[in-house]
C-alpha cells in the first residue's frame, strides 16, 4: 500500500471575475495575494480555498537490482539538473559524470532544476567515459546505451534480467552528437525510444526520464 505525505506548500485556486477572460490559476497565498488578474487586471475571486497537495512518500527501491547512470558530455547544466531530479525519483544509485558534463560543485545551473537532488544522489566525475565503462564492465555492471542505431532495440522490447544483485548502467550521451561510438562498442545493449512524430529525438533529459523510469520499474518488479 502506498503511503502519502502532504506537500509543504498550501495553494488556493483563484479565478478572474471578468467573463471575457475567466483565467483560473493556482496561487501560493504566502507569496502572492492573487487579488488581480495577471492577464486583464480584473479582480480575482477565490474558486477553491486553501488545499494541500499529497505525494507518495519515499519508497526504497529493490535491494536486489540497481540502476546507475553515465552522463557523457552533456552540455546543459539545466539538463543535468533535470536528470538528477528524475534520477532521485526513480531510485538511481549513482550518477557518473564524464567528459564536459557540468558538475554540481562547479555549475550553479544544475541546482535550478535538480532542486536538491544533486545533494541526495552520490555522483562522481570521470574525464574519459570509455575508461569508466570498462571499469564498470569488469565489476559485472551491464551497460545500456540510450541511442538509435541500426542494431538498437526498442526500449520496451528490452528484457531486464531477473537476477538478484544485477546492476545496470544507463549511458546517455551528448545532446547533438549522441553516445560516443566507443561507449556503444562497450555496451551490452543499445536501446532507443520509439518515435511517432516528425522529430527524430526527445530532449536528453526527457529521453532519460522515459528510459530510467521504465527500467527502474522493471527492476523493482523483477525479483
N, C-alpha and C. Protein backbone atom coordinates (compact mmCIF):
# COMPACT_ATOMS: atom_id res chain seq x y z
N UNK A 1 0.84 -1.19 0.00
CA UNK A 1 0.00 0.00 0.00
C UNK A 1 0.88 1.25 0.00
N UNK A 2 0.52 2.22 -0.84
CA UNK A 2 1.30 3.45 -0.93
C UNK A 2 1.00 4.37 0.24
N UNK A 3 2.05 4.87 0.87
CA UNK A 3 1.89 5.87 1.91
C UNK A 3 2.00 7.26 1.27
N UNK A 4 1.20 8.21 1.78
CA UNK A 4 1.17 9.55 1.22
C UNK A 4 1.65 10.56 2.24
N UNK A 5 2.28 11.61 1.75
CA UNK A 5 2.71 12.69 2.62
C UNK A 5 2.23 14.02 2.04
N UNK A 6 1.98 14.97 2.92
CA UNK A 6 1.50 16.28 2.48
C UNK A 6 2.66 17.14 2.03
N UNK A 7 2.44 17.87 0.94
CA UNK A 7 3.43 18.83 0.49
C UNK A 7 3.48 20.00 1.46
N UNK A 8 4.59 20.69 1.47
CA UNK A 8 4.76 21.79 2.42
C UNK A 8 3.88 22.98 2.03
N UNK A 9 3.77 23.26 0.74
CA UNK A 9 3.07 24.45 0.27
C UNK A 9 1.56 24.25 0.23
N UNK A 10 0.83 25.25 0.70
CA UNK A 10 -0.63 25.27 0.62
C UNK A 10 -1.02 26.21 -0.51
N UNK A 11 -1.94 25.77 -1.37
CA UNK A 11 -2.36 26.56 -2.52
C UNK A 11 -3.83 26.96 -2.43
N UNK A 12 -4.19 27.97 -3.22
CA UNK A 12 -5.58 28.34 -3.45
C UNK A 12 -5.78 28.45 -4.95
N UNK A 13 -7.02 28.28 -5.39
CA UNK A 13 -7.36 28.50 -6.79
C UNK A 13 -8.12 29.80 -6.90
N UNK A 14 -7.61 30.71 -7.72
CA UNK A 14 -8.27 31.98 -7.96
C UNK A 14 -8.77 32.04 -9.41
N UNK A 15 -9.91 32.72 -9.60
CA UNK A 15 -10.48 32.85 -10.94
C UNK A 15 -10.84 34.31 -11.22
N UNK A 16 -10.54 34.73 -12.43
CA UNK A 16 -10.81 36.11 -12.85
C UNK A 16 -12.31 36.35 -12.92
N UNK A 17 -12.74 37.53 -12.39
CA UNK A 17 -14.16 37.88 -12.39
C UNK A 17 -14.64 38.42 -13.73
N UNK A 18 -13.71 38.69 -14.63
CA UNK A 18 -14.07 39.20 -15.95
C UNK A 18 -14.53 38.05 -16.84
N UNK A 19 -15.82 38.02 -17.23
CA UNK A 19 -16.32 36.90 -18.04
C UNK A 19 -15.64 36.77 -19.40
N UNK A 20 -15.06 37.86 -19.88
CA UNK A 20 -14.35 37.80 -21.17
C UNK A 20 -12.95 37.21 -21.02
N UNK A 21 -12.51 37.07 -19.78
CA UNK A 21 -11.18 36.49 -19.51
C UNK A 21 -11.33 35.13 -18.86
N UNK A 22 -11.80 35.11 -17.61
CA UNK A 22 -12.05 33.86 -16.91
C UNK A 22 -10.83 33.05 -16.54
N UNK A 23 -9.67 33.68 -16.49
CA UNK A 23 -8.44 32.97 -16.14
C UNK A 23 -8.58 32.28 -14.79
N UNK A 24 -8.15 31.02 -14.71
CA UNK A 24 -8.20 30.23 -13.48
C UNK A 24 -6.80 29.73 -13.19
N UNK A 25 -6.25 30.10 -12.02
CA UNK A 25 -4.86 29.77 -11.72
C UNK A 25 -4.69 29.39 -10.25
N UNK A 26 -3.65 28.58 -9.94
CA UNK A 26 -3.30 28.32 -8.54
C UNK A 26 -2.36 29.41 -8.04
N UNK A 27 -2.45 29.75 -6.77
CA UNK A 27 -1.51 30.69 -6.18
C UNK A 27 -1.04 30.16 -4.83
N UNK A 28 0.15 30.56 -4.45
CA UNK A 28 0.66 30.32 -3.11
C UNK A 28 0.35 31.59 -2.32
N UNK A 29 -0.64 31.58 -1.43
CA UNK A 29 -1.04 32.80 -0.72
C UNK A 29 0.05 33.42 0.15
N UNK A 30 1.08 32.64 0.47
CA UNK A 30 2.18 33.20 1.25
C UNK A 30 3.13 34.02 0.37
N UNK A 31 3.01 33.83 -0.95
CA UNK A 31 3.90 34.53 -1.88
C UNK A 31 3.13 35.58 -2.70
N UNK A 32 1.92 35.23 -3.14
CA UNK A 32 1.14 36.13 -3.99
C UNK A 32 -0.23 36.39 -3.37
N UNK A 33 -0.68 37.64 -3.44
CA UNK A 33 -2.01 37.97 -2.94
C UNK A 33 -3.11 37.48 -3.89
N UNK A 34 -2.82 37.49 -5.18
CA UNK A 34 -3.79 36.99 -6.15
C UNK A 34 -5.06 37.82 -6.21
N UNK A 35 -4.95 39.12 -5.96
CA UNK A 35 -6.14 39.97 -5.93
C UNK A 35 -6.61 40.36 -7.33
N UNK A 36 -5.65 40.49 -8.26
CA UNK A 36 -6.00 40.97 -9.59
C UNK A 36 -5.45 40.03 -10.66
N UNK A 37 -6.21 39.91 -11.73
CA UNK A 37 -5.85 39.01 -12.83
C UNK A 37 -4.56 39.47 -13.51
N UNK A 38 -3.59 38.58 -13.69
CA UNK A 38 -2.34 38.98 -14.35
C UNK A 38 -2.51 39.21 -15.85
N UNK A 39 -3.67 38.79 -16.42
CA UNK A 39 -3.88 38.99 -17.85
C UNK A 39 -4.66 40.27 -18.15
N UNK A 40 -5.79 40.49 -17.43
CA UNK A 40 -6.65 41.64 -17.76
C UNK A 40 -6.76 42.66 -16.63
N UNK A 41 -6.28 42.33 -15.44
CA UNK A 41 -6.31 43.27 -14.33
C UNK A 41 -7.59 43.29 -13.53
N UNK A 42 -8.58 42.47 -13.89
CA UNK A 42 -9.84 42.43 -13.15
C UNK A 42 -9.64 41.74 -11.80
N UNK A 43 -10.54 41.98 -10.84
CA UNK A 43 -10.42 41.31 -9.54
C UNK A 43 -10.51 39.79 -9.67
N UNK A 44 -9.74 39.10 -8.83
CA UNK A 44 -9.76 37.64 -8.81
C UNK A 44 -10.58 37.17 -7.61
N UNK A 45 -11.39 36.13 -7.82
CA UNK A 45 -12.19 35.55 -6.76
C UNK A 45 -11.60 34.20 -6.36
N UNK A 46 -11.81 33.81 -5.10
CA UNK A 46 -11.33 32.50 -4.63
C UNK A 46 -12.29 31.41 -5.11
N UNK A 47 -11.81 30.55 -6.01
CA UNK A 47 -12.63 29.46 -6.54
C UNK A 47 -12.51 28.20 -5.70
N UNK A 48 -11.34 27.96 -5.16
CA UNK A 48 -11.11 26.81 -4.28
C UNK A 48 -10.28 27.31 -3.10
N UNK A 49 -10.76 27.15 -1.87
CA UNK A 49 -10.00 27.62 -0.70
C UNK A 49 -8.73 26.79 -0.51
N UNK A 50 -7.95 27.15 0.49
CA UNK A 50 -6.65 26.53 0.73
C UNK A 50 -6.73 25.01 0.71
N UNK A 51 -5.84 24.40 -0.06
CA UNK A 51 -5.77 22.94 -0.13
C UNK A 51 -4.31 22.51 -0.12
N UNK A 52 -4.09 21.25 0.20
CA UNK A 52 -2.74 20.70 0.32
C UNK A 52 -2.55 19.61 -0.73
N UNK A 53 -1.42 19.65 -1.41
CA UNK A 53 -1.07 18.58 -2.34
C UNK A 53 -0.51 17.39 -1.56
N UNK A 54 -0.86 16.19 -2.00
CA UNK A 54 -0.30 14.99 -1.39
C UNK A 54 0.51 14.23 -2.44
N UNK A 55 1.63 13.70 -1.98
CA UNK A 55 2.52 12.97 -2.88
C UNK A 55 2.93 11.66 -2.22
N UNK A 56 3.30 10.66 -3.05
CA UNK A 56 3.74 9.39 -2.47
C UNK A 56 4.94 9.59 -1.56
N UNK A 57 4.93 8.95 -0.41
CA UNK A 57 6.08 9.01 0.49
C UNK A 57 7.24 8.22 -0.10
N UNK A 58 8.43 8.40 0.43
CA UNK A 58 9.61 7.71 -0.06
C UNK A 58 9.42 6.21 0.00
N UNK A 59 9.70 5.55 -1.13
CA UNK A 59 9.62 4.10 -1.20
C UNK A 59 10.97 3.56 -1.66
N UNK A 60 11.70 2.88 -0.80
CA UNK A 60 13.02 2.36 -1.19
C UNK A 60 12.92 1.46 -2.41
N UNK A 61 13.91 1.56 -3.29
CA UNK A 61 13.94 0.69 -4.46
C UNK A 61 14.32 -0.73 -4.09
N UNK A 62 14.30 -1.60 -5.09
CA UNK A 62 14.62 -3.00 -4.87
C UNK A 62 16.06 -3.16 -4.41
N UNK A 63 16.26 -3.97 -3.39
CA UNK A 63 17.62 -4.22 -2.89
C UNK A 63 18.34 -5.23 -3.77
N UNK A 64 17.58 -5.91 -4.66
CA UNK A 64 18.18 -6.96 -5.47
C UNK A 64 18.65 -6.46 -6.83
N UNK A 65 18.22 -5.30 -7.24
CA UNK A 65 18.62 -4.75 -8.52
C UNK A 65 19.04 -3.31 -8.32
N UNK A 66 19.70 -2.75 -9.30
CA UNK A 66 20.13 -1.37 -9.17
C UNK A 66 20.32 -0.71 -10.51
N UNK A 67 20.22 0.60 -10.51
CA UNK A 67 20.43 1.38 -11.73
C UNK A 67 21.40 2.50 -11.42
N UNK A 68 22.47 2.59 -12.21
CA UNK A 68 23.38 3.72 -12.15
C UNK A 68 23.33 4.40 -13.50
N UNK A 69 23.87 5.61 -13.58
CA UNK A 69 23.76 6.41 -14.80
C UNK A 69 25.13 6.94 -15.19
N UNK A 70 25.38 6.96 -16.49
CA UNK A 70 26.59 7.58 -17.04
C UNK A 70 26.13 8.72 -17.94
N UNK A 71 26.50 9.95 -17.60
CA UNK A 71 26.19 11.11 -18.43
C UNK A 71 27.50 11.58 -19.08
N UNK A 72 27.60 11.38 -20.39
CA UNK A 72 28.85 11.68 -21.08
C UNK A 72 28.69 12.90 -21.99
N UNK A 73 29.42 13.95 -21.66
CA UNK A 73 29.46 15.16 -22.48
C UNK A 73 28.09 15.81 -22.69
N UNK A 74 27.26 15.78 -21.66
CA UNK A 74 26.03 16.55 -21.69
C UNK A 74 26.41 18.03 -21.56
N UNK A 75 25.87 18.89 -22.40
CA UNK A 75 26.31 20.29 -22.41
C UNK A 75 25.59 21.15 -21.38
N UNK A 76 24.30 20.94 -21.21
CA UNK A 76 23.47 21.86 -20.44
C UNK A 76 23.39 21.51 -18.96
N UNK A 77 23.70 22.49 -18.12
CA UNK A 77 23.54 22.28 -16.68
C UNK A 77 22.09 22.07 -16.30
N UNK A 78 21.17 22.71 -17.03
CA UNK A 78 19.76 22.52 -16.76
C UNK A 78 19.33 21.09 -17.06
N UNK A 79 19.84 20.51 -18.15
CA UNK A 79 19.54 19.12 -18.47
C UNK A 79 20.10 18.19 -17.40
N UNK A 80 21.32 18.46 -16.97
CA UNK A 80 21.93 17.63 -15.93
C UNK A 80 21.12 17.71 -14.65
N UNK A 81 20.70 18.92 -14.28
CA UNK A 81 19.89 19.07 -13.07
C UNK A 81 18.57 18.34 -13.17
N UNK A 82 17.93 18.42 -14.32
CA UNK A 82 16.67 17.71 -14.53
C UNK A 82 16.87 16.20 -14.42
N UNK A 83 17.99 15.72 -14.94
CA UNK A 83 18.29 14.28 -14.85
C UNK A 83 18.52 13.88 -13.40
N UNK A 84 19.21 14.72 -12.63
CA UNK A 84 19.40 14.43 -11.21
C UNK A 84 18.05 14.31 -10.50
N UNK A 85 17.14 15.22 -10.79
CA UNK A 85 15.85 15.20 -10.11
C UNK A 85 15.06 13.94 -10.46
N UNK A 86 15.05 13.59 -11.76
CA UNK A 86 14.35 12.37 -12.17
C UNK A 86 15.03 11.15 -11.57
N UNK A 87 16.35 11.14 -11.57
CA UNK A 87 17.10 10.01 -11.02
C UNK A 87 16.76 9.77 -9.56
N UNK A 88 16.57 10.86 -8.81
CA UNK A 88 16.18 10.73 -7.41
C UNK A 88 14.81 10.06 -7.30
N UNK A 89 13.90 10.44 -8.20
CA UNK A 89 12.55 9.89 -8.16
C UNK A 89 12.45 8.42 -8.51
N UNK A 90 13.38 7.91 -9.33
CA UNK A 90 13.33 6.50 -9.72
C UNK A 90 14.31 5.64 -8.95
N UNK A 91 15.06 6.23 -8.01
CA UNK A 91 15.93 5.44 -7.15
C UNK A 91 17.28 5.10 -7.73
N UNK A 92 17.82 5.95 -8.60
CA UNK A 92 19.16 5.71 -9.16
C UNK A 92 20.19 5.70 -8.04
N UNK A 93 21.11 4.74 -8.08
CA UNK A 93 22.12 4.60 -7.03
C UNK A 93 23.24 5.63 -7.13
N UNK A 94 23.67 5.91 -8.36
CA UNK A 94 24.87 6.74 -8.54
C UNK A 94 24.82 7.34 -9.94
N UNK A 95 25.29 8.58 -10.07
CA UNK A 95 25.41 9.22 -11.37
C UNK A 95 26.89 9.48 -11.65
N UNK A 96 27.37 8.93 -12.76
CA UNK A 96 28.75 9.16 -13.19
C UNK A 96 28.74 10.26 -14.24
N UNK A 97 29.43 11.35 -13.98
CA UNK A 97 29.55 12.46 -14.91
C UNK A 97 30.89 12.36 -15.63
N UNK A 98 30.88 12.54 -16.94
CA UNK A 98 32.14 12.37 -17.67
C UNK A 98 32.27 13.40 -18.79
N UNK A 99 33.51 13.53 -19.28
CA UNK A 99 33.77 14.48 -20.35
C UNK A 99 33.53 15.90 -19.90
N UNK A 100 32.76 16.66 -20.69
CA UNK A 100 32.46 18.05 -20.40
C UNK A 100 31.15 18.23 -19.64
N UNK A 101 30.57 17.16 -19.16
CA UNK A 101 29.32 17.25 -18.41
C UNK A 101 29.50 18.14 -17.18
N UNK A 102 28.63 19.15 -17.00
CA UNK A 102 28.75 20.03 -15.82
C UNK A 102 28.64 19.24 -14.51
N UNK A 103 29.34 19.74 -13.49
CA UNK A 103 29.33 19.10 -12.17
C UNK A 103 28.61 19.98 -11.17
N UNK A 104 27.88 19.39 -10.22
CA UNK A 104 27.14 20.19 -9.23
C UNK A 104 28.01 21.15 -8.43
N UNK A 105 29.27 20.79 -8.20
CA UNK A 105 30.12 21.65 -7.39
C UNK A 105 30.75 22.78 -8.20
N UNK A 106 30.51 22.79 -9.52
CA UNK A 106 31.12 23.81 -10.36
C UNK A 106 30.12 24.54 -11.26
N UNK A 107 28.87 24.13 -11.27
CA UNK A 107 27.88 24.74 -12.15
C UNK A 107 26.58 24.98 -11.39
N UNK A 108 26.24 26.24 -11.19
CA UNK A 108 25.04 26.58 -10.40
C UNK A 108 23.74 26.32 -11.15
N UNK A 109 23.81 26.18 -12.48
CA UNK A 109 22.58 25.90 -13.24
C UNK A 109 21.96 24.57 -12.85
N UNK A 110 22.78 23.63 -12.40
CA UNK A 110 22.28 22.30 -12.06
C UNK A 110 21.27 22.38 -10.93
N UNK A 111 21.56 23.16 -9.91
CA UNK A 111 20.68 23.23 -8.75
C UNK A 111 19.32 23.84 -9.08
N UNK A 112 19.23 24.64 -10.15
CA UNK A 112 17.98 25.29 -10.51
C UNK A 112 16.92 24.29 -10.94
N UNK A 113 17.33 23.18 -11.54
CA UNK A 113 16.37 22.16 -11.97
C UNK A 113 16.45 20.89 -11.12
N UNK A 114 17.59 20.66 -10.46
CA UNK A 114 17.73 19.48 -9.60
C UNK A 114 16.94 19.63 -8.31
N UNK A 115 16.79 20.87 -7.84
CA UNK A 115 16.02 21.18 -6.63
C UNK A 115 16.46 20.35 -5.42
N UNK A 116 17.77 20.21 -5.27
CA UNK A 116 18.31 19.50 -4.12
C UNK A 116 18.69 18.05 -4.39
N UNK A 117 18.26 17.50 -5.53
CA UNK A 117 18.58 16.10 -5.82
C UNK A 117 20.07 15.90 -6.03
N UNK A 118 20.78 16.97 -6.40
CA UNK A 118 22.24 16.86 -6.57
C UNK A 118 22.93 16.61 -5.25
N UNK A 119 22.19 16.81 -4.14
CA UNK A 119 22.75 16.56 -2.82
C UNK A 119 22.32 15.22 -2.24
N UNK A 120 21.35 14.57 -2.86
CA UNK A 120 20.85 13.29 -2.35
C UNK A 120 21.37 12.09 -3.11
N UNK A 121 21.83 12.30 -4.33
CA UNK A 121 22.33 11.18 -5.14
C UNK A 121 23.85 11.24 -5.20
N UNK A 122 24.55 10.18 -4.86
CA UNK A 122 26.00 10.16 -4.98
C UNK A 122 26.42 10.34 -6.45
N UNK A 123 27.46 11.10 -6.69
CA UNK A 123 27.95 11.29 -8.05
C UNK A 123 29.47 11.34 -8.03
N UNK A 124 30.04 11.11 -9.19
CA UNK A 124 31.49 11.18 -9.34
C UNK A 124 31.80 11.67 -10.75
N UNK A 125 33.04 12.15 -10.93
CA UNK A 125 33.44 12.67 -12.23
C UNK A 125 34.57 11.83 -12.83
N UNK A 126 34.50 11.63 -14.17
CA UNK A 126 35.49 10.84 -14.89
C UNK A 126 35.78 11.54 -16.22
N UNK A 127 37.03 11.87 -16.52
CA UNK A 127 37.32 12.57 -17.78
C UNK A 127 37.05 11.74 -19.02
N UNK A 128 37.24 10.42 -18.94
CA UNK A 128 37.08 9.53 -20.10
C UNK A 128 36.02 8.48 -19.79
N UNK A 129 34.88 8.59 -20.44
CA UNK A 129 33.77 7.66 -20.16
C UNK A 129 34.07 6.24 -20.61
N UNK A 130 34.94 6.08 -21.60
CA UNK A 130 35.24 4.72 -22.04
C UNK A 130 36.04 3.96 -20.99
N UNK A 131 36.93 4.66 -20.29
CA UNK A 131 37.67 4.04 -19.20
C UNK A 131 36.70 3.66 -18.07
N UNK A 132 35.78 4.57 -17.76
CA UNK A 132 34.76 4.29 -16.75
C UNK A 132 33.93 3.08 -17.15
N UNK A 133 33.49 3.04 -18.41
CA UNK A 133 32.65 1.94 -18.88
C UNK A 133 33.36 0.60 -18.76
N UNK A 134 34.64 0.60 -19.10
CA UNK A 134 35.41 -0.64 -18.99
C UNK A 134 35.50 -1.08 -17.53
N UNK A 135 35.71 -0.14 -16.63
CA UNK A 135 35.77 -0.48 -15.20
C UNK A 135 34.44 -1.02 -14.69
N UNK A 136 33.34 -0.42 -15.15
CA UNK A 136 32.03 -0.90 -14.74
C UNK A 136 31.78 -2.32 -15.25
N UNK A 137 32.18 -2.57 -16.49
CA UNK A 137 32.01 -3.92 -17.06
C UNK A 137 32.79 -4.96 -16.25
N UNK A 138 33.99 -4.59 -15.83
CA UNK A 138 34.82 -5.53 -15.05
C UNK A 138 34.20 -5.83 -13.69
N UNK A 139 33.32 -4.94 -13.22
CA UNK A 139 32.62 -5.16 -11.96
C UNK A 139 31.29 -5.88 -12.16
N UNK A 140 30.99 -6.27 -13.39
CA UNK A 140 29.77 -7.01 -13.67
C UNK A 140 28.56 -6.16 -13.97
N UNK A 141 28.76 -4.84 -14.13
CA UNK A 141 27.66 -3.95 -14.46
C UNK A 141 27.30 -4.10 -15.93
N UNK A 142 26.03 -4.16 -16.24
CA UNK A 142 25.57 -4.29 -17.62
C UNK A 142 25.28 -2.90 -18.18
N UNK A 143 25.95 -2.55 -19.29
CA UNK A 143 25.84 -1.21 -19.86
C UNK A 143 24.74 -1.16 -20.93
N UNK A 144 23.84 -0.18 -20.77
CA UNK A 144 22.76 0.05 -21.74
C UNK A 144 22.91 1.45 -22.30
N UNK A 145 23.26 1.56 -23.57
CA UNK A 145 23.42 2.85 -24.21
C UNK A 145 22.08 3.31 -24.77
N UNK A 146 21.68 4.53 -24.43
CA UNK A 146 20.43 5.08 -24.93
C UNK A 146 20.72 5.84 -26.22
N UNK A 147 20.52 5.14 -27.34
CA UNK A 147 20.88 5.71 -28.64
C UNK A 147 20.16 4.96 -29.75
N UNK A 148 19.93 5.62 -30.86
CA UNK A 148 19.31 4.98 -32.03
C UNK A 148 20.40 4.58 -33.01
N UNK A 149 20.48 3.30 -33.29
CA UNK A 149 21.42 2.79 -34.29
C UNK A 149 20.67 1.75 -35.14
N UNK A 150 21.33 1.25 -36.15
CA UNK A 150 20.70 0.23 -37.00
C UNK A 150 20.49 -1.07 -36.24
N UNK A 151 21.23 -1.26 -35.15
CA UNK A 151 21.10 -2.50 -34.38
C UNK A 151 20.40 -2.30 -33.04
N UNK A 152 19.99 -1.07 -32.72
CA UNK A 152 19.42 -0.81 -31.40
C UNK A 152 18.05 -1.48 -31.22
N UNK A 153 17.70 -1.73 -29.95
CA UNK A 153 16.45 -2.38 -29.58
C UNK A 153 15.50 -1.34 -29.00
N UNK A 154 14.24 -1.40 -29.35
CA UNK A 154 13.25 -0.51 -28.75
C UNK A 154 13.23 -0.74 -27.24
N UNK A 155 13.19 0.33 -26.48
CA UNK A 155 13.24 0.23 -25.02
C UNK A 155 12.27 -0.81 -24.48
N UNK A 156 11.04 -0.79 -24.96
CA UNK A 156 10.01 -1.65 -24.39
C UNK A 156 10.13 -3.10 -24.83
N UNK A 157 11.06 -3.37 -25.74
CA UNK A 157 11.34 -4.75 -26.15
C UNK A 157 12.55 -5.33 -25.42
N UNK A 158 13.24 -4.48 -24.66
CA UNK A 158 14.42 -4.95 -23.94
C UNK A 158 14.00 -5.76 -22.72
N UNK A 159 14.61 -6.92 -22.55
CA UNK A 159 14.28 -7.82 -21.45
C UNK A 159 15.25 -7.60 -20.28
N UNK A 160 14.71 -7.12 -19.19
CA UNK A 160 15.52 -6.93 -17.99
C UNK A 160 15.75 -8.29 -17.33
N UNK A 161 17.01 -8.60 -17.05
CA UNK A 161 17.33 -9.88 -16.43
C UNK A 161 16.79 -9.95 -15.00
N UNK A 162 16.20 -11.06 -14.65
CA UNK A 162 15.67 -11.25 -13.30
C UNK A 162 16.74 -11.95 -12.46
N UNK A 163 17.82 -11.22 -12.22
CA UNK A 163 18.94 -11.76 -11.47
C UNK A 163 19.19 -10.91 -10.24
N UNK A 164 19.20 -11.54 -9.08
CA UNK A 164 19.42 -10.80 -7.83
C UNK A 164 20.77 -10.10 -7.86
N UNK A 165 20.78 -8.85 -7.45
CA UNK A 165 22.01 -8.09 -7.37
C UNK A 165 22.51 -7.52 -8.68
N UNK A 166 21.75 -7.71 -9.76
CA UNK A 166 22.18 -7.21 -11.06
C UNK A 166 22.15 -5.69 -11.08
N UNK A 167 23.21 -5.08 -11.62
CA UNK A 167 23.29 -3.62 -11.72
C UNK A 167 23.39 -3.25 -13.19
N UNK A 168 22.61 -2.26 -13.59
CA UNK A 168 22.61 -1.74 -14.94
C UNK A 168 23.12 -0.31 -14.94
N UNK A 169 23.83 0.06 -15.99
CA UNK A 169 24.27 1.44 -16.16
C UNK A 169 23.63 1.98 -17.43
N UNK A 170 22.78 3.00 -17.27
CA UNK A 170 22.15 3.64 -18.41
C UNK A 170 23.08 4.75 -18.90
N UNK A 171 23.54 4.64 -20.13
CA UNK A 171 24.52 5.56 -20.69
C UNK A 171 23.80 6.57 -21.58
N UNK A 172 23.95 7.85 -21.27
CA UNK A 172 23.32 8.93 -22.04
C UNK A 172 24.40 9.85 -22.57
N UNK A 173 24.31 10.20 -23.85
CA UNK A 173 25.36 10.98 -24.48
C UNK A 173 24.99 12.41 -24.79
N UNK A 174 25.87 13.07 -25.52
CA UNK A 174 25.75 14.47 -25.89
C UNK A 174 24.43 14.76 -26.60
N UNK A 175 23.87 15.97 -26.32
CA UNK A 175 22.57 16.34 -26.88
C UNK A 175 22.53 16.28 -28.41
N UNK A 176 23.63 16.61 -29.06
CA UNK A 176 23.65 16.61 -30.54
C UNK A 176 24.42 15.44 -31.12
N UNK A 177 25.58 15.14 -30.55
CA UNK A 177 26.43 14.09 -31.11
C UNK A 177 25.99 12.70 -30.71
N UNK A 178 25.19 12.59 -29.66
CA UNK A 178 24.74 11.28 -29.20
C UNK A 178 25.80 10.57 -28.37
N UNK A 179 25.61 9.29 -28.20
CA UNK A 179 26.53 8.49 -27.39
C UNK A 179 27.81 8.21 -28.17
N UNK A 180 28.94 8.40 -27.53
CA UNK A 180 30.26 8.13 -28.09
C UNK A 180 30.30 6.72 -28.68
N UNK A 181 30.71 6.55 -29.97
CA UNK A 181 30.82 5.22 -30.56
C UNK A 181 31.67 4.26 -29.73
N UNK A 182 32.66 4.81 -29.01
CA UNK A 182 33.46 3.95 -28.14
C UNK A 182 32.63 3.36 -27.02
N UNK A 183 31.66 4.12 -26.52
CA UNK A 183 30.75 3.61 -25.48
C UNK A 183 29.75 2.63 -26.07
N UNK A 184 29.31 2.90 -27.29
CA UNK A 184 28.40 1.98 -27.98
C UNK A 184 29.06 0.61 -28.09
N UNK A 185 30.33 0.61 -28.46
CA UNK A 185 31.06 -0.65 -28.65
C UNK A 185 31.19 -1.42 -27.33
N UNK A 186 31.30 -0.69 -26.21
CA UNK A 186 31.46 -1.34 -24.91
C UNK A 186 30.13 -1.75 -24.28
N UNK A 187 29.03 -1.27 -24.81
CA UNK A 187 27.73 -1.52 -24.20
C UNK A 187 27.24 -2.94 -24.47
N UNK A 188 26.53 -3.49 -23.51
CA UNK A 188 25.94 -4.82 -23.67
C UNK A 188 24.70 -4.78 -24.56
N UNK A 189 24.04 -3.63 -24.58
CA UNK A 189 22.88 -3.45 -25.45
C UNK A 189 22.71 -1.97 -25.74
N UNK A 190 22.14 -1.67 -26.90
CA UNK A 190 21.81 -0.29 -27.28
C UNK A 190 20.30 -0.22 -27.41
N UNK A 191 19.69 0.69 -26.67
CA UNK A 191 18.23 0.80 -26.67
C UNK A 191 17.81 2.19 -27.16
N UNK A 192 16.68 2.24 -27.84
CA UNK A 192 16.18 3.52 -28.33
C UNK A 192 14.71 3.68 -27.95
N UNK A 193 14.24 4.93 -28.01
CA UNK A 193 12.84 5.22 -27.74
C UNK A 193 12.09 5.31 -29.07
N UNK A 194 11.05 4.51 -29.25
CA UNK A 194 10.28 4.59 -30.50
C UNK A 194 9.65 5.97 -30.64
N UNK A 195 9.73 6.55 -31.84
CA UNK A 195 9.21 7.88 -32.09
C UNK A 195 7.99 7.81 -33.02
N UNK A 196 7.06 8.72 -32.82
CA UNK A 196 5.84 8.74 -33.62
C UNK A 196 5.77 9.99 -34.51
N UNK A 197 6.15 11.14 -33.96
CA UNK A 197 6.04 12.40 -34.70
C UNK A 197 7.15 12.61 -35.71
N UNK A 198 7.24 13.83 -36.21
CA UNK A 198 8.21 14.14 -37.25
C UNK A 198 9.61 14.38 -36.69
N UNK A 199 9.71 14.74 -35.41
CA UNK A 199 11.02 14.93 -34.81
C UNK A 199 11.67 13.57 -34.55
N UNK A 200 12.98 13.55 -34.62
CA UNK A 200 13.69 12.27 -34.52
C UNK A 200 14.20 11.97 -33.12
N UNK A 201 14.00 12.91 -32.17
CA UNK A 201 14.52 12.66 -30.84
C UNK A 201 13.80 13.51 -29.82
N UNK A 202 13.95 13.12 -28.53
CA UNK A 202 13.46 13.91 -27.41
C UNK A 202 14.60 14.76 -26.85
N UNK A 203 14.24 15.75 -26.02
CA UNK A 203 15.25 16.41 -25.21
C UNK A 203 15.95 15.34 -24.38
N UNK A 204 17.24 15.49 -24.15
CA UNK A 204 18.01 14.43 -23.48
C UNK A 204 17.48 14.11 -22.09
N UNK A 205 17.03 15.13 -21.35
CA UNK A 205 16.51 14.86 -20.01
C UNK A 205 15.18 14.15 -20.05
N UNK A 206 14.37 14.45 -21.08
CA UNK A 206 13.09 13.76 -21.25
C UNK A 206 13.33 12.30 -21.64
N UNK A 207 14.24 12.09 -22.59
CA UNK A 207 14.57 10.73 -23.01
C UNK A 207 15.09 9.91 -21.84
N UNK A 208 15.97 10.53 -21.04
CA UNK A 208 16.47 9.83 -19.86
C UNK A 208 15.33 9.45 -18.93
N UNK A 209 14.41 10.39 -18.69
CA UNK A 209 13.31 10.12 -17.78
C UNK A 209 12.46 8.94 -18.20
N UNK A 210 12.16 8.87 -19.50
CA UNK A 210 11.36 7.75 -20.00
C UNK A 210 12.08 6.44 -19.79
N UNK A 211 13.34 6.39 -20.21
CA UNK A 211 14.11 5.14 -20.12
C UNK A 211 14.37 4.75 -18.67
N UNK A 212 14.77 5.71 -17.84
CA UNK A 212 15.10 5.39 -16.45
C UNK A 212 13.87 4.93 -15.68
N UNK A 213 12.74 5.57 -15.90
CA UNK A 213 11.53 5.19 -15.17
C UNK A 213 11.10 3.78 -15.56
N UNK A 214 11.15 3.47 -16.85
CA UNK A 214 10.74 2.14 -17.31
C UNK A 214 11.69 1.06 -16.80
N UNK A 215 12.99 1.31 -16.92
CA UNK A 215 13.96 0.33 -16.45
C UNK A 215 13.88 0.14 -14.94
N UNK A 216 13.74 1.22 -14.21
CA UNK A 216 13.64 1.14 -12.75
C UNK A 216 12.43 0.33 -12.35
N UNK A 217 11.31 0.56 -13.01
CA UNK A 217 10.09 -0.19 -12.68
C UNK A 217 10.30 -1.69 -12.93
N UNK A 218 10.91 -2.02 -14.08
CA UNK A 218 11.14 -3.42 -14.40
C UNK A 218 12.08 -4.06 -13.38
N UNK A 219 13.05 -3.32 -12.89
CA UNK A 219 13.97 -3.87 -11.90
C UNK A 219 13.28 -4.11 -10.57
N UNK A 220 12.39 -3.22 -10.19
CA UNK A 220 11.71 -3.37 -8.91
C UNK A 220 10.72 -4.52 -8.90
N UNK A 221 10.09 -4.80 -10.04
CA UNK A 221 9.11 -5.88 -10.06
C UNK A 221 9.73 -7.20 -10.47
N UNK A 222 10.94 -7.17 -11.03
CA UNK A 222 11.58 -8.40 -11.47
C UNK A 222 12.47 -8.96 -10.37
N UNK A 223 11.83 -9.46 -9.31
CA UNK A 223 12.59 -10.01 -8.18
C UNK A 223 12.64 -11.53 -8.27
